[in-house]
N, C-alpha and C. Protein backbone atom coordinates (compact mmCIF):
# COMPACT_ATOMS: atom_id res chain seq x y z
N MET A 1 1.08 -1.08 0.35
CA MET A 1 -0.06 0.17 0.12
C MET A 1 0.51 1.60 -0.32
N GLU A 2 0.22 2.68 -0.80
CA GLU A 2 1.37 3.59 -1.16
C GLU A 2 0.90 4.31 0.76
N ASP A 3 2.23 4.85 0.18
CA ASP A 3 1.57 5.93 2.17
C ASP A 3 1.52 7.28 1.34
N ILE A 4 1.15 8.00 2.46
CA ILE A 4 0.23 8.59 1.98
C ILE A 4 0.13 10.07 2.91
N LEU A 5 0.86 11.02 3.07
CA LEU A 5 1.08 12.85 3.84
C LEU A 5 0.06 13.74 3.28
N TYR A 6 -0.53 14.66 3.73
CA TYR A 6 -1.04 15.72 4.19
C TYR A 6 -0.77 17.06 4.04
N LEU A 7 -0.84 17.94 3.72
CA LEU A 7 0.24 18.99 4.16
C LEU A 7 -1.10 19.76 3.86
N THR A 8 -1.23 20.28 4.97
CA THR A 8 -3.04 21.48 5.13
C THR A 8 -2.26 22.42 6.05
N GLU A 9 -1.77 22.26 5.79
CA GLU A 9 -1.35 24.02 6.65
C GLU A 9 -0.29 24.82 6.05
N GLY A 10 -0.02 25.94 6.53
CA GLY A 10 1.59 26.25 6.47
C GLY A 10 2.89 25.77 6.32
N ILE A 11 3.87 26.43 6.16
CA ILE A 11 4.85 25.84 6.23
C ILE A 11 5.66 26.96 6.99
N GLU A 12 6.18 26.06 7.89
CA GLU A 12 6.94 26.26 8.99
C GLU A 12 6.90 25.11 10.37
N LEU A 13 8.38 24.78 9.79
CA LEU A 13 8.94 23.60 10.62
C LEU A 13 8.21 23.41 12.32
N GLY A 14 8.32 24.40 12.66
CA GLY A 14 8.14 24.60 14.32
C GLY A 14 7.02 24.69 14.52
N LYS A 15 5.92 25.31 13.29
CA LYS A 15 4.69 24.46 13.55
C LYS A 15 3.82 23.65 13.51
N THR A 16 4.38 22.29 13.03
CA THR A 16 4.53 21.26 11.55
C THR A 16 5.11 20.33 12.38
N PRO A 17 4.93 20.15 13.85
CA PRO A 17 5.76 18.70 14.24
C PRO A 17 4.94 17.73 13.87
N LYS A 18 3.77 17.27 13.69
CA LYS A 18 3.57 15.76 13.77
C LYS A 18 3.73 15.67 11.94
N PHE A 19 3.19 16.65 11.11
CA PHE A 19 3.39 16.27 9.86
C PHE A 19 5.31 16.50 10.00
N MET A 20 5.81 17.25 10.45
CA MET A 20 7.29 16.86 9.65
C MET A 20 7.72 15.73 10.55
N LYS A 21 6.97 15.04 11.37
CA LYS A 21 7.76 13.69 12.24
C LYS A 21 7.13 12.14 10.91
N HIS A 22 6.52 12.45 10.07
CA HIS A 22 5.57 11.90 9.71
C HIS A 22 6.28 12.20 8.13
N PHE A 23 6.52 12.78 7.87
CA PHE A 23 7.36 14.08 6.05
C PHE A 23 8.61 12.71 6.64
N MET A 24 9.12 13.08 8.11
CA MET A 24 10.71 12.43 7.77
C MET A 24 10.55 11.20 7.82
N LYS A 25 9.35 10.38 8.35
CA LYS A 25 9.86 9.12 8.71
C LYS A 25 9.99 7.88 7.15
N GLU A 26 8.70 9.19 6.55
CA GLU A 26 8.40 7.95 5.43
C GLU A 26 9.46 8.57 3.64
N ILE A 27 10.48 10.04 4.13
CA ILE A 27 10.63 10.08 2.96
C ILE A 27 12.61 9.47 3.11
N THR A 28 12.70 9.17 4.09
CA THR A 28 13.58 8.33 5.04
C THR A 28 13.62 6.47 4.61
N SER A 29 12.69 6.39 4.57
CA SER A 29 12.18 4.94 4.05
C SER A 29 12.72 4.30 3.22
N ASP A 30 13.30 2.89 3.63
CA ASP A 30 13.48 2.22 2.46
C ASP A 30 12.21 1.61 2.12
N LYS A 31 11.17 1.81 1.79
CA LYS A 31 10.72 1.07 1.45
C LYS A 31 9.95 1.34 -0.42
N LYS A 32 10.17 0.61 -1.36
CA LYS A 32 10.39 0.60 -2.47
C LYS A 32 9.35 1.73 -3.16
N THR A 33 7.87 1.52 -2.21
CA THR A 33 6.21 1.40 -2.65
C THR A 33 6.46 3.59 -2.95
N PRO A 34 5.44 4.32 -3.63
CA PRO A 34 5.26 5.64 -3.64
C PRO A 34 5.14 6.42 -3.37
N ILE A 35 5.26 8.07 -2.44
CA ILE A 35 4.64 8.52 -1.37
C ILE A 35 4.45 8.90 -2.24
N GLN A 36 2.27 9.31 -1.43
CA GLN A 36 1.49 10.41 -2.40
C GLN A 36 1.08 11.81 -1.65
N PHE A 37 1.57 12.53 -1.67
CA PHE A 37 1.36 13.01 -1.33
C PHE A 37 0.85 14.93 -1.23
N PHE A 38 -0.60 14.77 -1.14
CA PHE A 38 -1.82 16.04 -1.09
C PHE A 38 -0.92 17.19 -1.01
N ILE A 39 -1.03 18.52 -1.39
CA ILE A 39 -0.76 18.76 -0.71
C ILE A 39 -2.25 20.70 -1.16
N ASN A 40 -2.92 21.39 0.04
CA ASN A 40 -3.69 22.15 0.27
C ASN A 40 -2.57 22.97 1.39
N SER A 41 -1.98 24.09 1.03
CA SER A 41 -1.34 24.77 1.20
C SER A 41 -1.10 26.30 1.00
N SER A 42 -1.03 27.43 1.90
CA SER A 42 -0.55 28.84 1.51
C SER A 42 0.49 28.81 1.59
N GLY A 43 1.84 28.42 1.79
CA GLY A 43 3.27 28.75 1.56
C GLY A 43 3.54 29.41 3.25
N GLY A 44 4.46 29.54 3.68
CA GLY A 44 4.94 29.92 4.63
C GLY A 44 6.59 30.17 4.80
N ALA A 45 6.79 29.77 5.44
CA ALA A 45 8.35 30.18 5.81
C ALA A 45 9.59 30.04 4.12
N VAL A 46 10.06 31.10 3.75
CA VAL A 46 11.16 30.20 2.48
C VAL A 46 12.28 28.78 2.70
N ALA A 47 12.53 29.69 4.21
CA ALA A 47 13.99 28.77 4.40
C ALA A 47 13.50 27.09 4.64
N ASP A 48 12.12 27.37 4.98
CA ASP A 48 11.29 26.22 5.72
C ASP A 48 10.95 24.86 4.16
N GLY A 49 10.35 25.80 3.40
CA GLY A 49 9.50 25.16 2.12
C GLY A 49 11.24 24.77 1.50
N LEU A 50 12.17 25.82 1.48
CA LEU A 50 13.39 25.49 0.45
C LEU A 50 13.79 23.91 0.61
N GLY A 51 13.90 23.72 2.29
CA GLY A 51 14.61 23.00 3.11
C GLY A 51 13.98 21.65 2.78
N MET A 52 12.40 21.48 3.00
CA MET A 52 11.59 20.41 3.04
C MET A 52 11.73 19.70 1.29
N ALA A 53 11.45 20.98 0.22
CA ALA A 53 11.80 20.92 -0.99
C ALA A 53 13.46 19.91 -0.94
N SER A 54 14.21 20.21 -0.78
CA SER A 54 16.17 19.55 -0.75
C SER A 54 15.38 18.12 -0.61
N MET A 55 15.14 18.08 0.74
CA MET A 55 14.96 16.35 1.01
C MET A 55 13.56 15.51 0.69
N ILE A 56 12.60 16.41 -0.17
CA ILE A 56 11.65 15.80 -1.03
C ILE A 56 13.09 15.58 -2.66
N MET A 57 13.49 16.07 -3.48
CA MET A 57 14.67 15.70 -4.29
C MET A 57 15.59 15.00 -3.91
N ASN A 58 16.28 14.73 -2.96
CA ASN A 58 16.83 13.71 -2.09
C ASN A 58 16.46 12.24 -1.25
N SER A 59 15.08 13.18 -1.92
CA SER A 59 14.11 10.87 -0.88
C SER A 59 14.68 10.15 -1.94
N LYS A 60 15.09 8.96 -1.07
CA LYS A 60 14.61 7.04 -1.81
C LYS A 60 13.45 7.03 -2.82
N ARG A 61 12.45 7.95 -1.92
CA ARG A 61 11.43 6.85 -2.36
C ARG A 61 10.81 8.45 -3.41
N GLU A 62 10.55 7.82 -4.29
CA GLU A 62 9.22 8.87 -5.27
C GLU A 62 8.10 9.24 -4.60
N ILE A 63 8.25 10.33 -5.04
CA ILE A 63 7.00 11.32 -3.81
C ILE A 63 6.07 12.11 -5.27
N GLN A 64 5.04 11.19 -5.13
CA GLN A 64 3.93 12.22 -5.94
C GLN A 64 3.14 13.22 -5.89
N ALA A 65 2.91 14.63 -5.84
CA ALA A 65 2.36 14.92 -4.92
C ALA A 65 0.89 15.88 -6.08
N THR A 66 -0.23 15.94 -5.20
CA THR A 66 -1.58 16.14 -6.00
C THR A 66 -1.47 17.60 -5.06
N VAL A 67 -1.91 18.47 -5.82
CA VAL A 67 -2.57 19.84 -5.20
C VAL A 67 -3.94 19.46 -5.25
N ILE A 68 -4.55 19.93 -3.95
CA ILE A 68 -5.76 19.43 -4.04
C ILE A 68 -6.63 20.66 -3.71
N GLY A 69 -5.76 21.39 -3.34
CA GLY A 69 -6.54 23.02 -3.21
C GLY A 69 -5.48 23.95 -3.78
N SER A 70 -5.09 24.69 -2.67
CA SER A 70 -4.42 25.71 -2.90
C SER A 70 -2.82 25.78 -2.47
N CYS A 71 -2.48 26.38 -3.37
CA CYS A 71 -0.92 25.64 -3.81
C CYS A 71 0.08 27.40 -3.81
N TYR A 72 -0.37 27.84 -2.90
CA TYR A 72 0.72 29.26 -3.12
C TYR A 72 2.57 28.84 -2.08
N SER A 73 3.22 30.24 -2.94
CA SER A 73 3.72 31.04 -2.68
C SER A 73 5.38 29.58 -2.49
N ALA A 74 5.65 29.21 -1.03
CA ALA A 74 5.92 27.81 -0.42
C ALA A 74 5.90 26.87 -0.71
N ALA A 75 4.79 27.12 -0.82
CA ALA A 75 4.24 25.40 -0.65
C ALA A 75 4.17 24.63 -2.70
N THR A 76 4.17 25.83 -2.96
CA THR A 76 5.09 25.80 -4.70
C THR A 76 6.59 25.22 -5.07
N PHE A 77 7.18 25.00 -3.43
CA PHE A 77 8.71 24.75 -3.74
C PHE A 77 8.61 23.22 -2.97
N LEU A 78 7.84 22.67 -2.74
CA LEU A 78 7.43 21.54 -2.64
C LEU A 78 7.06 20.55 -3.64
N LEU A 79 6.01 21.32 -4.33
CA LEU A 79 5.28 20.38 -5.97
C LEU A 79 6.61 20.51 -6.97
N LEU A 80 7.05 21.23 -7.03
CA LEU A 80 8.30 21.41 -8.22
C LEU A 80 9.57 20.52 -7.44
N ALA A 81 9.62 19.98 -6.05
CA ALA A 81 11.29 19.47 -5.60
C ALA A 81 10.35 17.87 -6.45
N SER A 82 9.09 17.66 -5.94
CA SER A 82 8.35 16.13 -6.27
C SER A 82 8.42 16.03 -7.37
N HIS A 83 9.07 14.17 -7.58
CA HIS A 83 9.26 13.36 -9.08
C HIS A 83 7.80 13.81 -9.92
N LYS A 84 6.56 13.16 -9.34
CA LYS A 84 5.37 13.89 -10.27
C LYS A 84 4.51 14.52 -9.69
N LYS A 85 4.25 15.39 -10.52
CA LYS A 85 2.91 16.07 -9.97
C LYS A 85 1.37 16.69 -10.72
N TYR A 86 0.47 16.46 -9.96
CA TYR A 86 -0.70 16.28 -10.37
C TYR A 86 -1.42 17.45 -9.82
N CYS A 87 -2.35 17.50 -10.39
CA CYS A 87 -3.58 18.69 -9.70
C CYS A 87 -5.12 18.45 -10.11
N TYR A 88 -5.94 19.33 -9.55
CA TYR A 88 -7.02 18.49 -10.37
C TYR A 88 -7.31 20.67 -10.92
N LYS A 89 -8.23 20.16 -11.67
CA LYS A 89 -9.31 21.35 -12.37
C LYS A 89 -9.23 22.23 -11.86
N TYR A 90 -9.58 22.76 -11.01
CA TYR A 90 -9.87 23.86 -9.85
C TYR A 90 -8.63 24.48 -9.01
N SER A 91 -7.41 23.74 -8.71
CA SER A 91 -6.97 24.38 -7.89
C SER A 91 -6.22 24.97 -7.93
N GLU A 92 -6.10 26.20 -7.24
CA GLU A 92 -4.68 26.67 -7.30
C GLU A 92 -3.67 26.69 -7.17
N PHE A 93 -3.26 28.25 -7.84
CA PHE A 93 -2.04 28.07 -7.78
C PHE A 93 -1.15 29.58 -7.61
N MET A 94 -0.05 30.02 -6.88
CA MET A 94 0.02 31.80 -6.64
C MET A 94 1.97 31.57 -6.94
N PHE A 95 2.19 32.27 -7.59
CA PHE A 95 3.73 32.83 -7.13
C PHE A 95 3.66 34.11 -7.00
N HIS A 96 4.82 35.10 -6.19
CA HIS A 96 4.49 36.09 -6.08
C HIS A 96 6.19 36.20 -4.99
N GLY A 97 6.69 37.87 -5.13
CA GLY A 97 8.00 37.71 -5.11
C GLY A 97 8.47 37.72 -3.51
N ALA A 98 9.39 37.61 -2.72
CA ALA A 98 9.82 36.98 -1.45
C ALA A 98 9.40 38.11 -0.68
N GLN A 99 8.88 38.02 0.59
CA GLN A 99 8.78 39.21 1.49
C GLN A 99 9.22 38.67 2.89
N CYS A 100 8.81 39.70 3.33
CA CYS A 100 9.42 40.22 4.80
C CYS A 100 9.20 40.46 5.57
N TRP A 101 9.13 40.52 7.22
CA TRP A 101 8.25 41.09 8.07
C TRP A 101 9.92 41.61 9.11
N MET A 102 9.86 43.10 8.94
CA MET A 102 11.04 43.53 10.15
C MET A 102 10.59 43.50 11.24
N GLY A 103 9.33 43.87 11.78
CA GLY A 103 9.61 44.37 13.07
C GLY A 103 9.90 45.57 13.39
N TRP A 104 10.02 46.02 14.22
CA TRP A 104 10.48 46.90 15.37
C TRP A 104 12.01 47.61 15.30
N GLU A 105 12.86 47.06 13.61
CA GLU A 105 14.08 46.85 13.49
C GLU A 105 14.51 48.42 13.66
N LYS A 106 15.91 48.42 14.45
CA LYS A 106 16.95 49.96 14.65
C LYS A 106 17.36 49.63 13.29
N ALA A 107 18.16 51.02 12.81
CA ALA A 107 18.44 51.44 11.15
C ALA A 107 19.14 49.60 10.87
N GLN A 108 20.33 49.38 11.99
CA GLN A 108 21.66 48.43 11.93
C GLN A 108 20.38 47.22 11.33
N GLY A 109 19.83 47.02 11.95
CA GLY A 109 18.90 45.32 12.16
C GLY A 109 18.80 45.91 10.00
N VAL A 110 17.62 46.70 10.28
CA VAL A 110 17.14 46.53 8.24
C VAL A 110 17.79 46.63 7.73
N LEU A 111 19.40 47.32 7.61
CA LEU A 111 20.62 47.09 6.43
C LEU A 111 20.94 45.46 6.75
N ASP A 112 21.42 45.13 8.15
CA ASP A 112 21.47 43.28 8.00
C ASP A 112 19.91 42.50 7.01
N HIS A 113 18.54 42.94 7.81
CA HIS A 113 18.14 42.16 7.03
C HIS A 113 17.88 41.91 5.18
N LYS A 114 18.44 43.81 4.98
CA LYS A 114 18.38 43.83 3.66
C LYS A 114 19.71 42.64 2.62
N GLU A 115 20.04 42.71 3.71
CA GLU A 115 21.53 41.34 2.95
C GLU A 115 20.77 40.06 3.09
N ARG A 116 20.36 40.14 4.06
CA ARG A 116 19.82 39.21 3.83
C ARG A 116 18.58 38.64 2.92
N PHE A 117 17.71 39.62 3.00
CA PHE A 117 16.69 39.12 1.56
C PHE A 117 16.85 38.89 0.92
N GLU A 118 18.12 40.01 0.18
CA GLU A 118 18.61 40.03 -0.93
C GLU A 118 19.07 38.13 -1.11
N GLU A 119 19.88 37.56 0.11
CA GLU A 119 20.26 36.38 -1.01
C GLU A 119 19.60 35.17 -0.77
N THR A 120 18.38 35.94 -0.01
CA THR A 120 17.45 34.68 -0.32
C THR A 120 16.09 34.66 -1.49
N GLU A 121 16.67 35.67 -2.07
CA GLU A 121 15.39 36.14 -3.29
C GLU A 121 16.60 34.72 -4.21
N LYS A 122 17.98 35.30 -4.35
CA LYS A 122 18.95 34.79 -5.10
C LYS A 122 18.42 33.09 -5.01
N MET A 123 18.25 33.19 -3.58
CA MET A 123 18.30 31.09 -3.36
C MET A 123 16.85 30.38 -4.31
N ILE A 124 15.68 31.86 -4.23
CA ILE A 124 14.44 31.03 -4.79
C ILE A 124 14.34 31.49 -6.15
N LYS A 125 15.33 32.36 -6.98
CA LYS A 125 14.99 32.34 -8.25
C LYS A 125 16.35 31.18 -8.57
N LYS A 126 17.03 30.79 -8.15
CA LYS A 126 17.76 29.97 -8.64
C LYS A 126 16.58 28.26 -8.25
N PHE A 127 16.48 27.63 -6.87
CA PHE A 127 15.16 26.72 -7.27
C PHE A 127 14.59 26.89 -8.93
N TYR A 128 13.68 27.91 -8.82
CA TYR A 128 12.73 27.99 -10.37
C TYR A 128 13.11 27.34 -11.11
N LYS A 129 14.47 28.53 -11.59
CA LYS A 129 15.35 28.40 -12.39
C LYS A 129 15.32 26.40 -12.85
N SER A 130 15.89 25.92 -11.86
CA SER A 130 16.55 24.88 -11.83
C SER A 130 15.35 23.64 -12.11
N ARG A 131 13.47 24.16 -11.87
CA ARG A 131 12.79 22.94 -11.22
C ARG A 131 11.48 23.90 -12.76
N LEU A 132 11.54 24.71 -13.63
CA LEU A 132 10.74 25.21 -14.25
C LEU A 132 11.22 25.32 -15.42
N ASN A 133 10.53 25.20 -16.61
CA ASN A 133 10.80 25.20 -18.23
C ASN A 133 11.27 26.64 -18.24
N PRO A 134 12.30 27.36 -19.19
CA PRO A 134 12.74 28.84 -19.35
C PRO A 134 11.96 29.35 -19.73
N GLU A 135 10.60 29.49 -20.20
CA GLU A 135 8.76 30.19 -20.74
C GLU A 135 8.57 30.20 -19.42
N THR A 136 8.35 29.08 -18.09
CA THR A 136 7.63 29.44 -17.04
C THR A 136 8.18 30.02 -15.91
N PHE A 137 9.78 30.16 -16.65
CA PHE A 137 10.59 30.98 -15.02
C PHE A 137 10.90 32.37 -15.26
N LYS A 138 10.31 32.43 -17.12
CA LYS A 138 10.55 33.44 -17.11
C LYS A 138 8.98 34.83 -16.75
N LYS A 139 8.20 33.30 -16.24
CA LYS A 139 6.72 33.98 -16.44
C LYS A 139 6.78 33.97 -15.05
N VAL A 140 6.96 34.02 -14.18
CA VAL A 140 7.43 33.37 -12.72
C VAL A 140 8.20 35.08 -12.52
N MET A 141 9.22 34.87 -12.86
CA MET A 141 9.96 35.83 -12.32
C MET A 141 9.36 37.52 -12.47
N LYS A 142 8.16 37.52 -13.78
CA LYS A 142 7.66 38.70 -14.49
C LYS A 142 7.08 39.02 -12.70
N ALA A 143 6.50 37.79 -12.35
CA ALA A 143 5.50 38.88 -11.52
C ALA A 143 5.93 38.57 -10.36
N TYR A 144 6.87 37.94 -10.14
CA TYR A 144 8.51 37.91 -9.17
C TYR A 144 8.56 39.52 -9.35
N LYS A 145 9.29 39.74 -9.88
CA LYS A 145 9.60 41.37 -10.17
C LYS A 145 8.44 42.53 -10.19
N SER A 146 7.55 42.40 -10.38
CA SER A 146 6.08 43.02 -10.07
C SER A 146 5.41 43.84 -8.63
N GLY A 147 5.75 42.20 -8.20
CA GLY A 147 5.50 42.86 -6.31
C GLY A 147 3.90 42.27 -6.71
N ARG A 148 3.50 41.57 -7.40
CA ARG A 148 1.91 41.19 -7.31
C ARG A 148 1.65 39.64 -7.65
N GLU A 149 0.65 39.35 -6.49
CA GLU A 149 0.76 37.61 -7.19
C GLU A 149 -0.17 37.15 -8.03
N TRP A 150 0.84 36.34 -8.74
CA TRP A 150 0.02 35.87 -10.15
C TRP A 150 -0.68 34.39 -9.66
N TYR A 151 -1.62 34.13 -10.02
CA TYR A 151 -2.72 33.40 -9.02
C TYR A 151 -3.19 32.29 -10.98
N PHE A 152 -3.64 31.26 -10.58
CA PHE A 152 -4.57 30.42 -11.78
C PHE A 152 -4.67 29.13 -11.60
N TYR A 153 -5.01 28.57 -11.78
CA TYR A 153 -5.74 26.79 -11.71
C TYR A 153 -5.01 26.17 -12.48
N GLY A 154 -5.69 24.81 -12.48
CA GLY A 154 -5.13 23.63 -12.99
C GLY A 154 -4.83 23.75 -14.10
N ASP A 155 -5.59 24.00 -15.74
CA ASP A 155 -5.20 24.19 -17.27
C ASP A 155 -4.71 24.30 -17.10
N GLU A 156 -4.23 25.73 -16.48
CA GLU A 156 -3.12 26.72 -16.38
C GLU A 156 -1.53 26.27 -16.18
N ALA A 157 -1.66 25.47 -14.94
CA ALA A 157 -0.54 24.58 -14.35
C ALA A 157 -0.27 23.56 -15.63
N LEU A 158 -0.79 22.86 -15.98
CA LEU A 158 -0.07 21.97 -17.04
C LEU A 158 0.27 22.57 -18.26
N LYS A 159 -0.46 23.67 -18.64
CA LYS A 159 -0.04 24.44 -19.90
C LYS A 159 1.68 25.11 -19.92
N LEU A 160 1.42 25.62 -18.30
CA LEU A 160 3.16 25.88 -18.08
C LEU A 160 3.92 25.13 -17.22
N GLY A 161 3.46 23.23 -16.85
CA GLY A 161 4.07 22.37 -16.89
C GLY A 161 4.61 22.43 -15.76
N ILE A 162 4.07 23.10 -15.19
CA ILE A 162 4.46 22.86 -13.65
C ILE A 162 3.73 21.82 -13.07
N VAL A 163 2.41 21.05 -14.03
CA VAL A 163 2.18 20.04 -13.15
C VAL A 163 2.09 18.82 -14.55
N ASP A 164 2.11 17.40 -14.57
CA ASP A 164 2.60 16.46 -15.47
C ASP A 164 0.97 16.09 -15.77
N LYS A 165 -0.31 16.61 -15.13
CA LYS A 165 -1.51 16.20 -15.23
C LYS A 165 -2.16 16.56 -14.53
N ILE A 166 -3.90 16.39 -15.29
CA ILE A 166 -4.31 17.44 -14.12
C ILE A 166 -5.98 15.68 -13.91
N LEU A 167 -6.02 15.17 -13.22
CA LEU A 167 -6.56 14.38 -12.12
C LEU A 167 -8.10 14.75 -12.50
């Protein structure tokens, strides 16, 4: 029997211990069956999303991701890292530029965050470039640079090569 993972919350490792425990157990398992990974997430922390994407890409097991609702922001990292990618006709996707909240920082803290933010943006762009076809990468970068959120549904995700098949 295939193993199943459900991500139905934001991506923040410290806030999803139950999911992460199951996730770590399954992707490091020596089982030969694929993992069915269902995604319905508004995204979350970039570092956590890219970290989980790296784990998926290095998984010993094939991961078959299916978007069952929304796949926004950092959740796109997990989908794109998966070996097979599916969605439904009305599954919704969203890409946007990196965002950060600095709180009540002093001037030096703002400058430090700016450097860190620029490095984070480079990592995001590098990841997308490695996982998307050139035409789709350009479209994602256009949305990224515009500062706007880019939403679309399953049919468009299939045309863009983000998913392999609509279920």
